[in-house]
């Protein structure tokens, strides 16, 4: 007689008895299209990441928790949406010309509060040894929030020196000319070798490929020879290659140390990359924008013989890593308030994830970087205060200054070029209700106080001037 097995029982049976190691690589400012397997050109060279993609479940609709560094990392490591921890941007929240900001933005927090239980703290409680190798940017020191080992992590949001001397806290300078990405990789490799025998969580948030653009001259010349005329952008491509080489070094180490079979590898970015003229992308905008180019990121998850390789179109967000890894490591999460979903059934058993909506909240200002390439709502800001959500194939953006809405059907308009807010009133109203409910549930603050320094005529004049420059 056959006995029916519930999905919960099936999932429990497939979970490992010995918790797997976890290697999480988070590249800084790597765009969705800036890796070989995703790009629309042949300019980038990422053979190691491309090979990992062949061995991974590739998520084609993966999202960062925010469109710039600190808030996205806060979502990842807390498992919570922005309104719960209050990190919305890289401080301050009032960026850009004061005379063009209609509202006084919500005050931004500069780091995770001590009471936030991070992913590292939860995995440590589950018996993991934990290490941070690279950018922290969520307070003074990751040592106080669950990491046993810390190399180069501090409140710094970037390095100004990719070549030693680095002048960074919590890392000793190497030989003059040593490259930071390579040094961090060596630190990871040595630590993992020393941690054998105990499950490890290696969090590798490279400073690369964030500005400043610095790379070996011969690699830069190679990309200039491929037709990239802007030297800074050729240097960016070289930095991507540097990063890919070092990802390969870590993956090779897992093989030679017989660790690959019991290690989950997660490869992703903290947000979209800067929009650059040399590198076409089907997505609108880039870092700092709540259009797809600022939020959608590459995501690969690999675990040999446990996670089937292939592609998956399910929309996921980096808040999902926290509950997923707790579930796979058999660590209870009942006392934690987590906004992400457990993806272990999808990863291990190919179970469809129940339908849910994704949300972002940005009650602050982020000034324009390059008006010609930003592709923002207006040329003065990458983003003005607002919220965004994805529901199925629909994307809604709500801007607070003038209570404006934009609605896009991503199934046919991934470039977000056709605003359907006026043409689809029923869908607009449906999503507005969902977004309002979510903001109420999470206590999301909405700025309403008018900025006394704002001057409408100056705002309009500067926008007209910028638009003329774009043309």
Protein backbone atom coordinates (compact mmCIF):
# COMPACT_ATOMS: atom_id res chain seq x y z
CA UNK A 1 0.00 0.00 0.00
CA UNK A 2 1.42 3.40 -0.99
CA UNK A 3 1.41 6.25 1.50
CA UNK A 4 1.05 9.83 0.35
CA UNK A 5 3.88 12.12 1.46
CA UNK A 6 3.12 15.73 2.09
CA UNK A 7 5.30 18.47 0.65
CA UNK A 8 6.46 19.33 4.18
CA UNK A 9 7.52 15.72 4.82
CA UNK A 10 9.23 15.55 1.43
CA UNK A 11 11.14 18.74 2.16
CA UNK A 12 12.18 17.46 5.59
CA UNK A 13 13.41 14.17 4.08
CA UNK A 14 15.54 16.01 1.52
CA UNK A 15 17.27 18.27 4.03
CA UNK A 16 20.78 17.16 4.94
CA UNK A 17 21.55 15.65 8.31
CA UNK A 18 24.93 17.39 8.33
CA UNK A 19 24.54 21.14 7.77
CA UNK A 20 26.25 22.28 4.57
CA UNK A 21 28.95 24.90 4.39
CA UNK A 22 27.79 28.22 2.98
CA UNK A 23 29.87 30.41 0.68
CA UNK A 24 28.10 33.67 -0.16
CA UNK A 25 29.81 35.98 -2.65
CA UNK A 26 28.25 39.44 -2.93
CA UNK A 27 29.89 41.62 -5.57
CA UNK A 28 29.55 45.38 -5.11
CA UNK A 29 27.70 47.23 -7.91
CA UNK A 30 27.79 44.37 -10.43
CA UNK A 31 25.03 44.89 -12.97
CA UNK A 32 22.60 42.18 -14.01
CA UNK A 33 23.99 42.16 -17.55
CA UNK A 34 27.66 42.47 -16.54
CA UNK A 35 28.38 38.74 -16.42
CA UNK A 36 28.95 36.54 -19.43
CA UNK A 37 25.89 34.34 -19.09
CA UNK A 38 23.55 37.38 -18.93
CA UNK A 39 25.21 39.99 -21.12
CA UNK A 40 23.93 41.19 -24.45
CA UNK A 41 27.44 41.66 -25.89
CA UNK A 42 30.70 39.70 -25.82
CA UNK A 43 32.61 42.44 -24.02
CA UNK A 44 32.79 41.02 -20.49
CA UNK A 45 34.90 37.94 -19.84
CA UNK A 46 33.68 35.92 -16.83
CA UNK A 47 34.52 32.26 -17.61
CA UNK A 48 34.50 31.13 -13.96
CA UNK A 49 31.12 32.68 -13.22
CA UNK A 50 29.77 31.32 -16.50
CA UNK A 51 30.92 27.84 -15.53
CA UNK A 52 29.32 28.23 -12.10
CA UNK A 53 26.10 29.27 -13.86
CA UNK A 54 26.08 25.96 -15.73
CA UNK A 55 26.25 24.12 -12.40
CA UNK A 56 23.72 26.33 -10.58
CA UNK A 57 20.08 27.15 -10.36
CA UNK A 58 20.06 30.52 -12.08
CA UNK A 59 17.39 32.98 -10.99
CA UNK A 60 16.50 35.26 -13.87
CA UNK A 61 14.23 37.50 -11.76
CA UNK A 62 16.39 37.98 -8.69
CA UNK A 63 16.29 41.28 -6.81
CA UNK A 64 18.41 43.16 -4.33
CA UNK A 65 16.73 44.42 -1.18
CA UNK A 66 17.48 47.99 -2.24
CA UNK A 67 19.08 49.87 -5.12
CA UNK A 68 22.27 50.89 -3.32
CA UNK A 69 24.82 49.40 -0.98
CA UNK A 70 24.04 49.67 2.74
CA UNK A 71 20.24 49.19 2.61
CA UNK A 72 20.53 46.13 0.37
CA UNK A 73 23.10 44.53 2.67
CA UNK A 74 20.88 45.34 5.64
CA UNK A 75 17.98 43.47 4.03
CA UNK A 76 20.21 40.50 3.22
CA UNK A 77 21.75 40.15 6.68
CA UNK A 78 18.63 40.94 8.71
CA UNK A 79 16.11 39.17 6.48
CA UNK A 80 13.90 42.24 6.93
CA UNK A 81 12.56 44.94 4.65
CA UNK A 82 13.91 48.48 5.03
CA UNK A 83 11.12 49.93 7.21
CA UNK A 84 11.94 47.42 9.94
CA UNK A 85 15.62 48.39 10.31
CA UNK A 86 15.49 51.97 9.00
CA UNK A 87 18.48 51.79 6.63
CA UNK A 88 17.28 53.32 3.36
CA UNK A 89 20.39 54.72 1.74
CA UNK A 90 24.02 55.61 2.26
CA UNK A 91 23.73 58.60 4.61
CA UNK A 92 22.67 61.34 4.47
CA UNK A 93 19.08 61.03 3.23
CA UNK A 94 18.88 64.63 1.96
CA UNK A 95 21.11 64.39 -1.10
CA UNK A 96 21.03 66.64 -4.11
CA UNK A 97 20.26 70.35 -4.43
CA UNK A 98 18.05 71.43 -1.50
CA UNK A 99 16.12 73.82 -3.75
CA UNK A 100 14.98 70.84 -5.86
CA UNK A 101 13.80 68.66 -2.96
CA UNK A 102 10.10 69.23 -2.31
CA UNK A 103 9.95 67.13 0.87
CA UNK A 104 12.06 66.68 3.98
CA UNK A 105 13.18 63.05 3.75
CA UNK A 106 13.01 60.47 6.51
CA UNK A 107 16.16 60.29 8.63
CA UNK A 108 18.37 57.38 7.63
CA UNK A 109 20.03 54.98 10.10
CA UNK A 110 23.72 54.33 9.48
CA UNK A 111 23.96 50.76 10.67
CA UNK A 112 22.08 47.77 12.04
CA UNK A 113 20.93 48.16 15.63
CA UNK A 114 22.55 45.69 18.08
CA UNK A 115 19.20 43.99 18.72
CA UNK A 116 18.90 42.92 15.08
CA UNK A 117 19.74 39.21 14.93
CA UNK A 118 21.82 38.83 11.78
CA UNK A 119 22.09 35.81 9.53
CA UNK A 120 25.61 35.29 10.85
CA UNK A 121 24.37 35.24 14.46
CA UNK A 122 21.68 32.68 13.62
CA UNK A 123 24.10 30.43 11.73
CA UNK A 124 26.59 30.73 14.57
CA UNK A 125 23.87 29.53 16.94
CA UNK A 126 23.37 26.59 14.56
CA UNK A 127 27.02 25.58 15.03
CA UNK A 128 28.70 27.43 12.17
CA UNK A 129 31.97 29.25 12.29
CA UNK A 130 31.51 32.56 10.53
CA UNK A 131 33.78 34.89 8.58
CA UNK A 132 33.40 38.25 6.83
CA UNK A 133 35.89 39.03 4.08
CA UNK A 134 35.37 42.47 2.63
CA UNK A 135 32.85 45.27 2.84
CA UNK A 136 30.57 45.44 5.88
CA UNK A 137 29.09 48.98 5.77
CA UNK A 138 26.44 48.28 8.42
CA UNK A 139 28.13 49.72 11.48
CA UNK A 140 31.59 49.90 12.93
CA UNK A 141 32.47 46.23 13.12
CA UNK A 142 30.90 42.92 12.00
CA UNK A 143 32.59 41.20 14.95
CA UNK A 144 29.77 42.46 17.17
CA UNK A 145 27.04 40.98 14.97
CA UNK A 146 27.89 37.35 14.56
CA UNK A 147 31.22 37.05 12.77
CA UNK A 148 34.11 35.11 14.31
CA UNK A 149 36.57 36.37 11.70
CA UNK A 150 36.65 39.75 10.03
CA UNK A 151 38.99 40.91 7.31
CA UNK A 152 38.58 44.48 6.00
CA UNK A 153 35.01 44.90 7.25
CA UNK A 154 34.14 48.24 8.88
CA UNK A 155 31.81 51.19 8.45
CA UNK A 156 33.60 52.08 5.20
CA UNK A 157 31.39 51.90 2.13
CA UNK A 158 34.26 51.69 -0.33
CA UNK A 159 38.01 51.57 -0.70
CA UNK A 160 39.94 54.36 -2.36
CA UNK A 161 42.90 52.06 -2.95
CA UNK A 162 42.54 48.68 -4.69
CA UNK A 163 46.32 48.38 -4.62
CA UNK A 164 48.20 48.10 -1.32
CA UNK A 165 48.62 50.13 0.82
CA UNK A 166 44.82 49.90 1.20
CA UNK A 167 44.39 52.32 4.11
CA UNK A 168 41.38 50.32 5.32
CA UNK A 169 40.49 49.29 8.88
CA UNK A 170 40.81 45.65 9.92
CA UNK A 171 43.27 44.59 7.24
CA UNK A 172 47.04 44.82 7.25
CA UNK A 173 48.58 46.22 4.11
CA UNK A 174 50.22 43.65 1.90
CA UNK A 175 53.21 44.06 -0.40
CA UNK A 176 53.03 47.28 -2.38
CA UNK A 177 50.87 46.75 -5.44
CA UNK A 178 48.93 43.76 -4.07
CA UNK A 179 45.35 43.86 -5.41
CA UNK A 180 42.59 43.96 -2.79
CA UNK A 181 40.24 41.46 -4.46
CA UNK A 182 43.04 38.92 -4.70
CA UNK A 183 44.10 39.53 -1.09
CA UNK A 184 40.57 39.04 0.23
CA UNK A 185 40.30 35.84 -1.77
CA UNK A 186 43.53 34.52 -0.25
CA UNK A 187 42.17 35.36 3.19
CA UNK A 188 38.98 33.41 2.48
CA UNK A 189 40.89 30.42 1.17
CA UNK A 190 43.24 30.26 4.17
CA UNK A 191 40.37 30.65 6.63
CA UNK A 192 38.24 27.95 5.01
CA UNK A 193 41.17 25.53 5.10
CA UNK A 194 41.62 26.23 8.81
CA UNK A 195 37.89 25.83 9.48
CA UNK A 196 37.62 22.31 8.03
CA UNK A 197 35.76 19.92 10.32
CA UNK A 198 33.14 22.48 11.30
CA UNK A 199 30.46 23.94 9.04
CA UNK A 200 31.41 27.43 7.89
CA UNK A 201 29.60 30.52 6.67
CA UNK A 202 32.01 32.45 4.49
CA UNK A 203 30.51 35.84 3.64
CA UNK A 204 32.57 37.39 0.84
CA UNK A 205 31.32 40.91 0.07
CA UNK A 206 34.03 42.09 -2.30
CA UNK A 207 34.68 45.83 -2.47
CA UNK A 208 34.99 45.30 -6.19
CA UNK A 209 33.55 46.33 -8.64
CA UNK A 210 32.60 49.57 -6.89
CA UNK A 211 34.43 52.76 -7.83
CA UNK A 212 37.19 53.89 -8.00
CA UNK A 213 37.93 52.08 -11.24
CA UNK A 214 41.40 50.57 -10.80
CA UNK A 215 42.78 47.48 -12.52
CA UNK A 216 45.96 46.07 -14.05
CA UNK A 217 47.05 48.10 -17.06
CA UNK A 218 47.46 45.11 -19.39
CA UNK A 219 43.90 43.93 -18.75
CA UNK A 220 42.59 47.45 -19.28
CA UNK A 221 44.42 47.59 -22.60
CA UNK A 222 42.82 44.32 -23.63
CA UNK A 223 39.34 45.80 -23.24
CA UNK A 224 40.33 48.99 -25.01
CA UNK A 225 41.43 46.70 -27.83
CA UNK A 226 37.96 45.13 -27.86
CA UNK A 227 36.46 48.46 -28.85
CA UNK A 228 35.64 50.17 -25.55
CA UNK A 229 36.69 53.78 -26.11
CA UNK A 230 36.10 55.08 -22.58
CA UNK A 231 39.11 54.15 -20.43
CA UNK A 232 37.13 54.21 -17.17
CA UNK A 233 34.63 51.76 -18.63
CA UNK A 234 37.42 49.54 -19.97
CA UNK A 235 38.87 49.59 -16.45
CA UNK A 236 35.49 48.54 -15.08
CA UNK A 237 35.47 45.55 -17.44
CA UNK A 238 38.97 44.69 -16.25
CA UNK A 239 37.78 44.84 -12.63
CA UNK A 240 35.00 42.40 -13.50
CA UNK A 241 37.64 40.07 -14.93
CA UNK A 242 39.78 40.42 -11.79
CA UNK A 243 36.73 39.51 -9.70
CA UNK A 244 35.90 36.52 -11.91
CA UNK A 245 39.47 35.19 -11.64
CA UNK A 246 39.24 35.26 -7.86
CA UNK A 247 35.82 33.63 -7.77
CA UNK A 248 37.50 30.87 -9.76
CA UNK A 249 40.25 30.58 -7.14
CA UNK A 250 37.69 30.03 -4.38
CA UNK A 251 35.77 27.44 -6.40
CA UNK A 252 39.00 25.60 -7.22
CA UNK A 253 39.89 25.54 -3.52
CA UNK A 254 36.54 23.95 -2.65
CA UNK A 255 37.32 21.18 -5.12
CA UNK A 256 40.89 20.53 -4.02
CA UNK A 257 39.88 20.53 -0.34
CA UNK A 258 37.01 18.08 -0.99
CA UNK A 259 34.51 20.66 0.23
CA UNK A 260 32.54 21.30 -2.95
CA UNK A 261 29.98 18.51 -2.48
CA UNK A 262 28.80 19.86 0.86
CA UNK A 263 29.02 23.58 0.19
CA UNK A 264 26.20 25.82 -0.99
CA UNK A 265 27.60 28.57 -3.18
CA UNK A 266 25.57 31.74 -3.58
CA UNK A 267 26.79 34.32 -6.08
CA UNK A 268 25.02 37.66 -6.42
CA UNK A 269 25.37 41.46 -6.37
CA UNK A 270 24.21 43.99 -3.79
CA UNK A 271 22.39 46.14 -6.38
CA UNK A 272 22.46 47.06 -10.04
CA UNK A 273 25.54 48.53 -11.66
CA UNK A 274 26.11 52.02 -12.98
CA UNK A 275 24.51 52.52 -16.37
CA UNK A 276 27.38 52.76 -18.88
CA UNK A 277 27.26 53.58 -22.56
CA UNK A 278 29.77 50.84 -23.47
CA UNK A 279 27.66 48.04 -22.02
CA UNK A 280 24.09 47.84 -23.32
CA UNK A 281 21.44 46.32 -21.06
CA UNK A 282 17.77 45.62 -21.67
CA UNK A 283 17.00 47.00 -18.20
CA UNK A 284 16.23 50.62 -17.48
CA UNK A 285 18.58 52.69 -15.30
CA UNK A 286 21.19 51.46 -12.82
CA UNK A 287 22.47 51.71 -9.27
CA UNK A 288 20.33 53.97 -7.09
CA UNK A 289 17.21 53.61 -9.22
CA UNK A 290 14.08 51.63 -8.41
CA UNK A 291 13.68 50.70 -12.05
CA UNK A 292 14.85 47.19 -12.95
CA UNK A 293 18.43 48.21 -13.70
CA UNK A 294 18.92 49.33 -10.11
CA UNK A 295 17.24 46.35 -8.47
CA UNK A 296 17.60 43.25 -10.62
CA UNK A 297 20.82 41.33 -9.96
CA UNK A 298 22.53 38.12 -11.06
CA UNK A 299 21.87 35.21 -8.70
CA UNK A 300 23.37 31.73 -8.87
CA UNK A 301 22.86 29.05 -6.20
CA UNK A 302 24.86 25.85 -6.46
CA UNK A 303 25.04 22.66 -4.40
CA UNK A 304 26.29 19.57 -6.27
CA UNK A 305 23.79 16.67 -6.39
CA UNK A 306 21.33 18.60 -4.21
CA UNK A 307 20.24 21.55 -6.35
CA UNK A 308 19.47 20.81 -9.98
CA UNK A 309 21.11 23.16 -12.44
CA UNK A 310 18.89 25.20 -14.73
CA UNK A 311 17.05 28.50 -14.88
CA UNK A 312 14.10 29.68 -12.82
CA UNK A 313 11.89 32.70 -13.45
CA UNK A 314 10.47 32.96 -9.91
CA UNK A 315 10.90 36.50 -8.53
CA UNK A 316 13.11 36.25 -5.42
CA UNK A 317 14.85 38.83 -3.22
CA UNK A 318 17.98 38.72 -1.09
CA UNK A 319 15.84 38.74 2.07
CA UNK A 320 15.06 35.11 1.13
CA UNK A 321 18.61 33.93 1.86
CA UNK A 322 18.13 34.18 5.63
CA UNK A 323 15.11 31.85 6.09
CA UNK A 324 16.38 29.53 3.36
CA UNK A 325 19.75 28.94 4.97
CA UNK A 326 18.20 28.51 8.42
CA UNK A 327 15.84 25.90 7.01
CA UNK A 328 18.61 24.00 5.23
CA UNK A 329 20.78 24.09 8.37
CA UNK A 330 17.83 22.83 10.46
CA UNK A 331 17.89 25.94 12.64
CA UNK A 332 14.45 27.04 13.95
CA UNK A 333 13.36 30.57 13.09
CA UNK A 334 10.06 30.83 14.96
CA UNK A 335 11.24 33.70 17.17
CA UNK A 336 12.56 35.79 14.27
CA UNK A 337 10.61 38.34 12.29
CA UNK A 338 11.74 37.64 8.72
CA UNK A 339 10.24 39.10 5.57
CA UNK A 340 11.90 36.69 3.17
CA UNK A 341 10.54 33.32 2.08
CA UNK A 342 12.16 29.91 2.60
CA UNK A 343 13.34 28.78 -0.85
CA UNK A 344 14.56 25.35 0.29
CA UNK A 345 11.59 23.51 -1.23
CA UNK A 346 12.23 25.20 -4.55
CA UNK A 347 15.96 24.54 -4.39
CA UNK A 348 15.92 20.96 -3.18
CA UNK A 349 12.63 19.59 -4.55
CA UNK A 350 11.73 21.92 -7.42
CA UNK A 351 8.56 22.93 -5.59
CA UNK A 352 6.89 26.07 -6.89
CA UNK A 353 7.11 28.98 -4.50
CA UNK A 354 3.74 30.32 -3.48
CA UNK A 355 2.83 33.59 -5.11
CA UNK A 356 3.89 36.68 -3.16
CA UNK A 357 4.72 40.31 -3.83
CA UNK A 358 8.10 42.01 -3.41
CA UNK A 359 8.47 45.51 -1.96
CA UNK A 360 10.95 48.37 -1.70
CA UNK A 361 10.71 51.61 0.25
CA UNK A 362 12.91 54.66 -0.36
CA UNK A 363 11.64 57.71 1.58
CA UNK A 364 14.82 59.70 0.81
CA UNK A 365 16.65 61.43 -2.05
CA UNK A 366 19.54 60.23 -4.21
CA UNK A 367 20.99 62.77 -6.61
CA UNK A 368 21.72 62.08 -10.27
CA UNK A 369 25.05 60.55 -11.21
CA UNK A 370 24.99 61.04 -14.98
CA UNK A 371 21.80 62.59 -16.34
CA UNK A 372 22.52 61.28 -19.83
CA UNK A 373 22.67 57.64 -18.79
CA UNK A 374 20.72 57.48 -15.51
CA UNK A 375 17.34 56.93 -17.26
CA UNK A 376 15.61 58.21 -14.14
CA UNK A 377 12.15 59.74 -13.80
CA UNK A 378 13.80 63.15 -14.06
CA UNK A 379 17.40 64.24 -14.72
CA UNK A 380 18.14 65.71 -11.27
CA UNK A 381 17.76 62.55 -9.16
CA UNK A 382 18.33 58.86 -9.66
CA UNK A 383 15.39 58.45 -7.28
CA UNK A 384 13.12 60.85 -5.44
CA UNK A 385 11.22 59.56 -2.37
CA UNK A 386 8.88 56.69 -3.13
CA UNK A 387 8.00 53.01 -2.88
CA UNK A 388 8.01 50.20 -5.42
CA UNK A 389 6.62 46.70 -5.68
CA UNK A 390 6.53 43.72 -8.01
CA UNK A 391 3.36 41.64 -8.16
CA UNK A 392 3.50 38.82 -10.70
CA UNK A 393 4.72 40.48 -13.88
CA UNK A 394 3.52 43.91 -12.78
CA UNK A 395 5.78 46.65 -11.39
CA UNK A 396 4.37 49.65 -9.51
CA UNK A 397 6.34 52.73 -8.48
CA UNK A 398 4.83 55.44 -6.26
CA UNK A 399 6.58 58.81 -6.01
CA UNK A 400 5.60 60.82 -2.94
CA UNK A 401 6.37 64.40 -3.99
CA UNK A 402 3.40 64.70 -6.36
CA UNK A 403 1.62 61.42 -5.54
CA UNK A 404 2.54 60.01 -8.96
CA UNK A 405 2.31 56.36 -10.01
CA UNK A 406 4.06 54.38 -12.73
CA UNK A 407 2.85 50.94 -13.76
CA UNK A 408 4.73 48.52 -16.02
CA UNK A 409 4.06 45.06 -17.42
CA UNK A 410 7.50 43.43 -17.19
CA UNK A 411 6.42 40.45 -19.28
CA UNK A 412 6.46 42.67 -22.37
CA UNK A 413 8.29 45.78 -21.16
CA UNK A 414 11.37 44.91 -19.13
CA UNK A 415 12.80 48.30 -20.15
CA UNK A 416 9.93 50.02 -18.28
CA UNK A 417 9.31 52.39 -21.18
CA UNK A 418 5.50 52.26 -21.33
CA UNK A 419 3.76 53.61 -18.21
CA UNK A 420 0.32 51.95 -18.05
CA UNK A 421 -0.97 53.76 -14.96
CA UNK A 422 -3.67 55.61 -16.93
CA UNK A 423 -4.47 52.69 -19.26
CA UNK A 424 -4.85 50.01 -16.57
CA UNK A 425 -6.84 51.70 -13.75
CA UNK A 426 -8.13 48.45 -12.23
CA UNK A 427 -4.64 46.93 -11.99
CA UNK A 428 -3.30 50.23 -10.68
CA UNK A 429 -5.91 50.34 -7.92
CA UNK A 430 -5.33 46.68 -7.03
CA UNK A 431 -1.60 47.24 -6.55
CA UNK A 432 -2.08 50.56 -4.75
CA UNK A 433 -4.13 48.74 -2.11
CA UNK A 434 -1.45 46.07 -1.75
CA UNK A 435 1.30 48.65 -1.44
CA UNK A 436 -0.63 50.69 1.13
CA UNK A 437 -1.36 47.55 3.15
CA UNK A 438 2.32 46.58 3.14
CA UNK A 439 3.42 50.05 4.25
CA UNK A 440 0.91 49.94 7.08
CA UNK A 441 1.99 46.45 8.12
CA UNK A 442 5.69 47.35 8.22
CA UNK A 443 5.24 50.86 9.61
CA UNK A 444 6.92 52.37 6.56
CA UNK A 445 7.37 56.12 7.13
CA UNK A 446 6.25 58.43 4.33
CA UNK A 447 7.72 61.95 4.20
CA UNK A 448 5.01 64.62 4.18
CA UNK A 449 6.72 67.71 5.64
CA UNK A 450 7.43 70.32 2.97
CA UNK A 451 10.99 71.52 2.56
CA UNK A 452 11.13 75.32 3.12
CA UNK A 453 14.19 75.58 0.87
CA UNK A 454 12.39 74.10 -2.15
CA UNK A 455 11.87 76.40 -5.14
CA UNK A 456 9.60 75.05 -7.85
CA UNK A 457 10.86 77.49 -10.47
CA UNK A 458 14.48 76.51 -9.81
CA UNK A 459 13.58 72.82 -9.87
CA UNK A 460 11.88 73.20 -13.26
CA UNK A 461 14.63 75.39 -14.68
CA UNK A 462 17.36 72.95 -13.69
CA UNK A 463 15.40 70.05 -15.14
CA UNK A 464 14.96 71.87 -18.44
CA UNK A 465 18.67 72.68 -18.51
CA UNK A 466 19.61 69.06 -17.82
CA UNK A 467 17.20 67.75 -20.46
CA UNK A 468 18.73 70.06 -23.06
CA UNK A 469 22.17 68.66 -22.20
CA UNK A 470 20.86 65.11 -22.62
CA UNK A 471 19.55 65.94 -26.08
